[in-house]
Amino acid sequence: MATVELRFSALPEHVRTARLVAAAVARRAGVDEAVLDEVRLAVGEACSRAVGLHRSNDVTEPITVMLIEDEKKFSIEVGDEVPGTPVGSVPGVQGAGGEPDGAESVVDEAEDEMGLAVISGLVDDVEVSSTETGGVIRMSWPTVPDPVLP
């Protein structure tokens, strides 16, 4: 299992770099070429959401992107450091962890739910979780095994 960790300041210009790195690592991990645009877009949405949360909540910690290559799947985890980030109620997105107890988020809920809806439309296997230390969006795609050469 190979893992690449990317950490960046909460600046919108770093989202493009995260997208490019994620696509390159996904390609190397064996994700089907036809799915790489979806990987790029989903990572862009998740990172943009994390940047927005950090900036609107004055969080100076970096955003973390983990790119994890397993035997049969490739996973990406985008983590923010905003405590109690609301998960939203988006169909197709599996929530996990601590939902905030009625706390209002500074991020516009409609915009947040739209971003999560876009991600859930791009990724079949997605989970959004939130704790008192921050939130994580976990996404995964199957990998194509290397062809066996005679």
N, C-alpha and C. Protein backbone atom coordinates (compact mmCIF):
# COMPACT_ATOMS: atom_id res chain seq x y z
N MET A 1 0.85 -1.18 0.00
CA MET A 1 0.00 0.00 0.00
C MET A 1 0.89 1.24 0.00
N ALA A 2 0.78 2.03 -1.05
CA ALA A 2 1.55 3.27 -1.16
C ALA A 2 0.66 4.45 -0.81
N THR A 3 1.24 5.43 -0.12
CA THR A 3 0.49 6.62 0.26
C THR A 3 1.31 7.86 -0.07
N VAL A 4 0.63 8.84 -0.65
CA VAL A 4 1.22 10.15 -0.91
C VAL A 4 0.43 11.14 -0.08
N GLU A 5 1.12 12.00 0.66
CA GLU A 5 0.45 13.03 1.46
C GLU A 5 0.81 14.40 0.91
N LEU A 6 -0.21 15.19 0.69
CA LEU A 6 -0.04 16.56 0.20
C LEU A 6 -0.67 17.49 1.22
N ARG A 7 0.08 18.49 1.65
CA ARG A 7 -0.44 19.49 2.60
C ARG A 7 -0.24 20.86 1.96
N PHE A 8 -1.29 21.69 2.00
CA PHE A 8 -1.16 23.02 1.41
C PHE A 8 -1.95 24.05 2.19
N SER A 9 -1.49 25.30 2.09
CA SER A 9 -2.18 26.43 2.73
C SER A 9 -3.54 26.61 2.09
N ALA A 10 -4.47 27.14 2.85
CA ALA A 10 -5.84 27.31 2.38
C ALA A 10 -5.94 28.50 1.42
N LEU A 11 -5.35 28.32 0.27
CA LEU A 11 -5.40 29.33 -0.79
C LEU A 11 -5.98 28.68 -2.04
N PRO A 12 -6.93 29.36 -2.70
CA PRO A 12 -7.58 28.78 -3.87
C PRO A 12 -6.60 28.35 -4.97
N GLU A 13 -5.49 29.05 -5.11
CA GLU A 13 -4.55 28.71 -6.17
C GLU A 13 -3.87 27.36 -5.96
N HIS A 14 -3.90 26.82 -4.75
CA HIS A 14 -3.29 25.51 -4.49
C HIS A 14 -4.21 24.35 -4.87
N VAL A 15 -5.49 24.63 -5.09
CA VAL A 15 -6.45 23.57 -5.44
C VAL A 15 -6.06 22.94 -6.78
N ARG A 16 -5.63 23.74 -7.72
CA ARG A 16 -5.24 23.22 -9.04
C ARG A 16 -4.07 22.25 -8.90
N THR A 17 -3.11 22.58 -8.07
CA THR A 17 -1.97 21.69 -7.84
C THR A 17 -2.43 20.36 -7.25
N ALA A 18 -3.34 20.42 -6.29
CA ALA A 18 -3.87 19.19 -5.68
C ALA A 18 -4.57 18.33 -6.72
N ARG A 19 -5.33 18.96 -7.61
CA ARG A 19 -6.01 18.22 -8.67
C ARG A 19 -5.02 17.52 -9.58
N LEU A 20 -3.97 18.23 -9.98
CA LEU A 20 -2.98 17.65 -10.88
C LEU A 20 -2.23 16.50 -10.23
N VAL A 21 -1.84 16.67 -8.97
CA VAL A 21 -1.13 15.62 -8.25
C VAL A 21 -2.04 14.39 -8.09
N ALA A 22 -3.29 14.61 -7.73
CA ALA A 22 -4.23 13.50 -7.55
C ALA A 22 -4.41 12.71 -8.85
N ALA A 23 -4.56 13.41 -9.96
CA ALA A 23 -4.73 12.72 -11.24
C ALA A 23 -3.48 11.93 -11.61
N ALA A 24 -2.31 12.49 -11.37
CA ALA A 24 -1.06 11.79 -11.70
C ALA A 24 -0.90 10.53 -10.85
N VAL A 25 -1.17 10.64 -9.56
CA VAL A 25 -1.04 9.48 -8.68
C VAL A 25 -2.11 8.44 -9.00
N ALA A 26 -3.32 8.89 -9.31
CA ALA A 26 -4.40 7.96 -9.69
C ALA A 26 -4.02 7.18 -10.95
N ARG A 27 -3.47 7.85 -11.92
CA ARG A 27 -3.04 7.20 -13.16
C ARG A 27 -2.00 6.13 -12.84
N ARG A 28 -1.01 6.49 -12.04
CA ARG A 28 0.05 5.55 -11.68
C ARG A 28 -0.50 4.37 -10.88
N ALA A 29 -1.55 4.62 -10.08
CA ALA A 29 -2.15 3.56 -9.25
C ALA A 29 -2.99 2.58 -10.06
N GLY A 30 -3.34 2.95 -11.29
CA GLY A 30 -4.11 2.05 -12.13
C GLY A 30 -5.57 2.40 -12.27
N VAL A 31 -5.96 3.62 -11.93
CA VAL A 31 -7.34 4.06 -12.14
C VAL A 31 -7.55 4.19 -13.65
N ASP A 32 -8.68 3.72 -14.13
CA ASP A 32 -9.01 3.75 -15.55
C ASP A 32 -8.91 5.17 -16.10
N GLU A 33 -8.30 5.31 -17.25
CA GLU A 33 -8.11 6.62 -17.90
C GLU A 33 -9.43 7.37 -18.06
N ALA A 34 -10.51 6.65 -18.32
CA ALA A 34 -11.81 7.27 -18.53
C ALA A 34 -12.35 7.94 -17.26
N VAL A 35 -11.80 7.59 -16.10
CA VAL A 35 -12.29 8.10 -14.82
C VAL A 35 -11.43 9.24 -14.29
N LEU A 36 -10.28 9.48 -14.90
CA LEU A 36 -9.35 10.46 -14.35
C LEU A 36 -9.93 11.87 -14.28
N ASP A 37 -10.76 12.25 -15.24
CA ASP A 37 -11.40 13.57 -15.17
C ASP A 37 -12.31 13.66 -13.96
N GLU A 38 -13.01 12.57 -13.64
CA GLU A 38 -13.88 12.56 -12.46
C GLU A 38 -13.05 12.69 -11.18
N VAL A 39 -11.89 12.03 -11.16
CA VAL A 39 -10.99 12.13 -10.00
C VAL A 39 -10.57 13.58 -9.84
N ARG A 40 -10.13 14.19 -10.93
CA ARG A 40 -9.68 15.58 -10.91
C ARG A 40 -10.78 16.52 -10.40
N LEU A 41 -11.98 16.37 -10.95
CA LEU A 41 -13.09 17.24 -10.56
C LEU A 41 -13.50 17.03 -9.10
N ALA A 42 -13.57 15.77 -8.67
CA ALA A 42 -13.97 15.48 -7.28
C ALA A 42 -12.95 16.04 -6.30
N VAL A 43 -11.68 15.88 -6.60
CA VAL A 43 -10.64 16.42 -5.72
C VAL A 43 -10.71 17.94 -5.70
N GLY A 44 -10.95 18.54 -6.86
CA GLY A 44 -11.09 19.99 -6.92
C GLY A 44 -12.24 20.49 -6.05
N GLU A 45 -13.38 19.81 -6.11
CA GLU A 45 -14.53 20.19 -5.29
C GLU A 45 -14.23 20.02 -3.80
N ALA A 46 -13.64 18.88 -3.43
CA ALA A 46 -13.35 18.62 -2.02
C ALA A 46 -12.32 19.62 -1.48
N CYS A 47 -11.30 19.91 -2.27
CA CYS A 47 -10.27 20.86 -1.82
C CYS A 47 -10.82 22.28 -1.77
N SER A 48 -11.65 22.66 -2.74
CA SER A 48 -12.26 23.99 -2.72
C SER A 48 -13.15 24.16 -1.49
N ARG A 49 -13.87 23.10 -1.14
CA ARG A 49 -14.72 23.13 0.06
C ARG A 49 -13.85 23.34 1.30
N ALA A 50 -12.75 22.58 1.39
CA ALA A 50 -11.85 22.70 2.55
C ALA A 50 -11.23 24.10 2.61
N VAL A 51 -10.82 24.65 1.47
CA VAL A 51 -10.26 26.00 1.44
C VAL A 51 -11.29 27.01 1.93
N GLY A 52 -12.52 26.88 1.45
CA GLY A 52 -13.59 27.79 1.88
C GLY A 52 -13.86 27.71 3.37
N LEU A 53 -13.88 26.48 3.90
CA LEU A 53 -14.09 26.31 5.33
C LEU A 53 -12.97 26.94 6.14
N HIS A 54 -11.73 26.71 5.73
CA HIS A 54 -10.59 27.28 6.45
C HIS A 54 -10.62 28.80 6.42
N ARG A 55 -10.85 29.34 5.26
CA ARG A 55 -10.81 30.80 5.12
C ARG A 55 -11.95 31.47 5.87
N SER A 56 -13.15 30.89 5.81
CA SER A 56 -14.29 31.52 6.48
C SER A 56 -14.26 31.35 7.99
N ASN A 57 -13.50 30.38 8.48
CA ASN A 57 -13.39 30.15 9.92
C ASN A 57 -12.03 30.57 10.48
N ASP A 58 -11.25 31.29 9.68
CA ASP A 58 -9.93 31.79 10.09
C ASP A 58 -9.02 30.69 10.64
N VAL A 59 -9.02 29.55 9.98
CA VAL A 59 -8.15 28.44 10.36
C VAL A 59 -6.86 28.55 9.55
N THR A 60 -5.72 28.54 10.23
CA THR A 60 -4.44 28.70 9.54
C THR A 60 -3.73 27.38 9.29
N GLU A 61 -4.25 26.28 9.83
CA GLU A 61 -3.65 24.97 9.60
C GLU A 61 -3.76 24.59 8.13
N PRO A 62 -2.84 23.77 7.62
CA PRO A 62 -2.92 23.36 6.22
C PRO A 62 -4.03 22.33 5.98
N ILE A 63 -4.44 22.24 4.75
CA ILE A 63 -5.38 21.22 4.30
C ILE A 63 -4.55 20.00 3.94
N THR A 64 -5.05 18.83 4.26
CA THR A 64 -4.32 17.59 4.00
C THR A 64 -5.05 16.75 2.96
N VAL A 65 -4.30 16.28 1.97
CA VAL A 65 -4.84 15.36 0.96
C VAL A 65 -3.99 14.10 1.01
N MET A 66 -4.64 12.98 1.30
CA MET A 66 -3.97 11.67 1.33
C MET A 66 -4.40 10.90 0.10
N LEU A 67 -3.42 10.41 -0.65
CA LEU A 67 -3.66 9.62 -1.86
C LEU A 67 -3.17 8.21 -1.55
N ILE A 68 -4.09 7.26 -1.46
CA ILE A 68 -3.78 5.93 -0.94
C ILE A 68 -4.03 4.87 -2.01
N GLU A 69 -3.00 4.13 -2.33
CA GLU A 69 -3.08 3.06 -3.32
C GLU A 69 -3.15 1.72 -2.61
N ASP A 70 -4.28 1.04 -2.74
CA ASP A 70 -4.44 -0.31 -2.21
C ASP A 70 -4.38 -1.29 -3.38
N GLU A 71 -4.56 -2.56 -3.05
CA GLU A 71 -4.45 -3.58 -4.08
C GLU A 71 -5.52 -3.44 -5.16
N LYS A 72 -6.76 -3.16 -4.77
CA LYS A 72 -7.85 -3.12 -5.74
C LYS A 72 -8.57 -1.79 -5.83
N LYS A 73 -8.10 -0.79 -5.06
CA LYS A 73 -8.76 0.51 -5.14
C LYS A 73 -7.77 1.63 -4.85
N PHE A 74 -8.15 2.80 -5.28
CA PHE A 74 -7.38 4.01 -5.06
C PHE A 74 -8.27 4.96 -4.27
N SER A 75 -7.78 5.46 -3.14
CA SER A 75 -8.58 6.32 -2.27
C SER A 75 -7.93 7.68 -2.09
N ILE A 76 -8.78 8.67 -1.92
CA ILE A 76 -8.32 10.03 -1.64
C ILE A 76 -9.08 10.53 -0.43
N GLU A 77 -8.34 11.09 0.53
CA GLU A 77 -8.95 11.70 1.71
C GLU A 77 -8.55 13.16 1.75
N VAL A 78 -9.54 14.04 1.74
CA VAL A 78 -9.29 15.48 1.84
C VAL A 78 -9.76 15.90 3.22
N GLY A 79 -8.80 16.38 4.03
CA GLY A 79 -9.11 16.73 5.41
C GLY A 79 -9.00 18.22 5.68
N ASP A 80 -9.96 18.73 6.44
CA ASP A 80 -9.89 20.12 6.90
C ASP A 80 -9.71 20.13 8.40
N GLU A 81 -9.37 21.27 8.94
CA GLU A 81 -9.11 21.41 10.38
C GLU A 81 -10.19 22.27 11.04
N VAL A 82 -11.38 22.27 10.48
CA VAL A 82 -12.48 23.07 11.03
C VAL A 82 -13.33 22.16 11.90
N PRO A 83 -13.34 22.38 13.22
CA PRO A 83 -14.09 21.52 14.13
C PRO A 83 -15.59 21.55 13.84
N GLY A 84 -16.21 20.35 13.88
CA GLY A 84 -17.65 20.25 13.75
C GLY A 84 -18.22 20.72 12.44
N THR A 85 -17.48 20.53 11.34
CA THR A 85 -17.97 20.92 10.02
C THR A 85 -19.25 20.15 9.71
N PRO A 86 -20.30 20.85 9.29
CA PRO A 86 -21.55 20.14 8.98
C PRO A 86 -21.39 19.23 7.78
N VAL A 87 -21.99 18.05 7.86
CA VAL A 87 -21.90 17.09 6.78
C VAL A 87 -22.94 17.35 5.71
N GLY A 88 -24.05 17.92 6.07
CA GLY A 88 -25.10 18.17 5.08
C GLY A 88 -25.95 16.93 4.88
N SER A 89 -27.00 17.08 4.11
CA SER A 89 -27.90 15.97 3.85
C SER A 89 -28.03 15.79 2.35
N VAL A 90 -26.98 15.28 1.77
CA VAL A 90 -26.95 15.09 0.33
C VAL A 90 -27.18 13.63 0.01
N PRO A 91 -28.17 13.33 -0.85
CA PRO A 91 -28.41 11.93 -1.20
C PRO A 91 -27.17 11.32 -1.83
N GLY A 92 -26.88 10.08 -1.46
CA GLY A 92 -25.73 9.38 -2.02
C GLY A 92 -24.45 9.60 -1.25
N VAL A 93 -24.43 10.54 -0.32
CA VAL A 93 -23.23 10.76 0.49
C VAL A 93 -23.46 10.14 1.84
N GLN A 94 -22.57 9.23 2.20
CA GLN A 94 -22.68 8.55 3.49
C GLN A 94 -22.01 9.39 4.55
N GLY A 95 -22.77 9.83 5.53
CA GLY A 95 -22.21 10.61 6.63
C GLY A 95 -21.68 9.69 7.72
N ALA A 96 -20.67 10.17 8.42
CA ALA A 96 -20.11 9.40 9.53
C ALA A 96 -19.56 10.37 10.55
N GLY A 97 -19.52 9.96 11.79
CA GLY A 97 -18.89 10.80 12.80
C GLY A 97 -19.86 11.78 13.42
N GLY A 98 -19.31 12.73 14.11
CA GLY A 98 -20.10 13.65 14.92
C GLY A 98 -20.72 14.78 14.13
N GLU A 99 -22.01 14.76 14.05
CA GLU A 99 -22.72 15.89 13.47
C GLU A 99 -22.72 17.02 14.49
N PRO A 100 -22.61 18.25 14.05
CA PRO A 100 -22.64 19.35 15.00
C PRO A 100 -24.01 19.45 15.66
N ASP A 101 -24.05 19.87 16.90
CA ASP A 101 -25.31 19.95 17.61
C ASP A 101 -25.98 21.31 17.42
N GLY A 102 -26.46 21.52 16.19
CA GLY A 102 -27.19 22.74 15.89
C GLY A 102 -26.32 23.95 15.68
N ALA A 103 -25.02 23.78 15.68
CA ALA A 103 -24.12 24.93 15.49
C ALA A 103 -24.20 25.42 14.06
N GLU A 104 -24.24 26.73 13.90
CA GLU A 104 -24.28 27.33 12.57
C GLU A 104 -22.88 27.37 12.01
N SER A 105 -22.76 27.00 10.76
CA SER A 105 -21.47 27.09 10.08
C SER A 105 -21.37 28.42 9.39
N VAL A 106 -20.14 28.93 9.28
CA VAL A 106 -19.95 30.20 8.59
C VAL A 106 -20.07 30.01 7.09
N VAL A 107 -19.79 28.78 6.61
CA VAL A 107 -19.88 28.49 5.18
C VAL A 107 -21.35 28.37 4.81
N ASP A 108 -21.74 28.93 3.68
CA ASP A 108 -23.10 28.86 3.20
C ASP A 108 -23.51 27.40 3.01
N GLU A 109 -24.57 26.97 3.71
CA GLU A 109 -25.00 25.58 3.67
C GLU A 109 -25.39 25.13 2.28
N ALA A 110 -26.08 25.96 1.52
CA ALA A 110 -26.50 25.59 0.17
C ALA A 110 -25.29 25.34 -0.72
N GLU A 111 -24.28 26.19 -0.60
CA GLU A 111 -23.06 26.03 -1.39
C GLU A 111 -22.34 24.75 -0.98
N ASP A 112 -22.29 24.49 0.32
CA ASP A 112 -21.65 23.29 0.84
C ASP A 112 -22.35 22.04 0.33
N GLU A 113 -23.67 22.02 0.41
CA GLU A 113 -24.44 20.87 -0.06
C GLU A 113 -24.30 20.69 -1.56
N MET A 114 -24.19 21.79 -2.31
CA MET A 114 -24.01 21.69 -3.75
C MET A 114 -22.66 21.04 -4.06
N GLY A 115 -21.62 21.44 -3.36
CA GLY A 115 -20.30 20.84 -3.56
C GLY A 115 -20.31 19.35 -3.24
N LEU A 116 -20.96 18.98 -2.14
CA LEU A 116 -21.06 17.57 -1.77
C LEU A 116 -21.90 16.80 -2.79
N ALA A 117 -22.94 17.43 -3.33
CA ALA A 117 -23.76 16.77 -4.36
C ALA A 117 -22.95 16.53 -5.63
N VAL A 118 -22.12 17.49 -6.00
CA VAL A 118 -21.26 17.32 -7.18
C VAL A 118 -20.31 16.14 -6.95
N ILE A 119 -19.70 16.09 -5.76
CA ILE A 119 -18.77 15.00 -5.45
C ILE A 119 -19.50 13.66 -5.51
N SER A 120 -20.69 13.58 -4.91
CA SER A 120 -21.42 12.31 -4.91
C SER A 120 -21.87 11.91 -6.31
N GLY A 121 -22.04 12.89 -7.21
CA GLY A 121 -22.35 12.57 -8.60
C GLY A 121 -21.15 12.06 -9.37
N LEU A 122 -19.97 12.41 -8.93
CA LEU A 122 -18.74 12.00 -9.61
C LEU A 122 -18.16 10.71 -9.06
N VAL A 123 -18.40 10.43 -7.78
CA VAL A 123 -17.75 9.32 -7.09
C VAL A 123 -18.82 8.38 -6.54
N ASP A 124 -18.71 7.10 -6.87
CA ASP A 124 -19.67 6.12 -6.35
C ASP A 124 -19.43 5.83 -4.87
N ASP A 125 -18.18 5.80 -4.47
CA ASP A 125 -17.84 5.45 -3.09
C ASP A 125 -17.29 6.68 -2.38
N VAL A 126 -18.17 7.40 -1.67
CA VAL A 126 -17.76 8.62 -0.96
C VAL A 126 -18.33 8.61 0.44
N GLU A 127 -17.53 9.09 1.40
CA GLU A 127 -17.97 9.19 2.79
C GLU A 127 -17.48 10.53 3.34
N VAL A 128 -18.38 11.23 4.00
CA VAL A 128 -18.05 12.52 4.60
C VAL A 128 -18.19 12.37 6.10
N SER A 129 -17.14 12.73 6.84
CA SER A 129 -17.20 12.63 8.29
C SER A 129 -16.71 13.93 8.92
N SER A 130 -17.14 14.14 10.16
CA SER A 130 -16.77 15.34 10.88
C SER A 130 -16.61 15.01 12.35
N THR A 131 -15.56 15.60 12.94
CA THR A 131 -15.32 15.40 14.37
C THR A 131 -15.02 16.76 14.99
N GLU A 132 -14.67 16.74 16.26
CA GLU A 132 -14.32 18.00 16.93
C GLU A 132 -12.97 18.55 16.45
N THR A 133 -12.21 17.76 15.69
CA THR A 133 -10.91 18.24 15.20
C THR A 133 -10.91 18.60 13.73
N GLY A 134 -11.99 18.29 13.02
CA GLY A 134 -12.07 18.62 11.59
C GLY A 134 -12.87 17.60 10.82
N GLY A 135 -12.92 17.80 9.52
CA GLY A 135 -13.70 16.93 8.65
C GLY A 135 -12.84 16.24 7.61
N VAL A 136 -13.37 15.14 7.07
CA VAL A 136 -12.67 14.39 6.03
C VAL A 136 -13.68 13.95 4.98
N ILE A 137 -13.32 14.11 3.72
CA ILE A 137 -14.08 13.53 2.63
C ILE A 137 -13.22 12.40 2.08
N ARG A 138 -13.76 11.17 2.14
CA ARG A 138 -13.05 9.99 1.63
C ARG A 138 -13.73 9.55 0.34
N MET A 139 -12.93 9.39 -0.70
CA MET A 139 -13.44 8.97 -2.00
C MET A 139 -12.57 7.82 -2.49
N SER A 140 -13.16 6.86 -3.19
CA SER A 140 -12.33 5.79 -3.73
C SER A 140 -12.87 5.32 -5.08
N TRP A 141 -11.94 4.80 -5.87
CA TRP A 141 -12.22 4.30 -7.21
C TRP A 141 -11.53 2.96 -7.36
N PRO A 142 -12.13 2.04 -8.13
CA PRO A 142 -11.44 0.77 -8.38
C PRO A 142 -10.24 0.99 -9.30
N THR A 143 -9.26 0.12 -9.16
CA THR A 143 -8.10 0.17 -10.05
C THR A 143 -8.18 -0.98 -11.04
N VAL A 144 -7.56 -0.79 -12.17
CA VAL A 144 -7.52 -1.81 -13.20
C VAL A 144 -6.21 -2.57 -13.01
N PRO A 145 -6.27 -3.88 -12.86
CA PRO A 145 -5.04 -4.65 -12.67
C PRO A 145 -4.16 -4.57 -13.91
N ASP A 146 -2.86 -4.62 -13.69
CA ASP A 146 -1.92 -4.62 -14.81
C ASP A 146 -2.15 -5.88 -15.63
N PRO A 147 -2.12 -5.74 -16.96
CA PRO A 147 -2.31 -6.94 -17.77
C PRO A 147 -1.13 -7.90 -17.59
N VAL A 148 -1.43 -9.16 -17.56
CA VAL A 148 -0.41 -10.18 -17.41
C VAL A 148 0.20 -10.43 -18.77
N LEU A 149 1.49 -10.25 -18.84
CA LEU A 149 2.18 -10.44 -20.11
C LEU A 149 2.61 -11.91 -20.25
N PRO A 150 2.49 -12.48 -21.45
CA PRO A 150 2.89 -13.89 -21.64
C PRO A 150 4.39 -14.06 -21.57
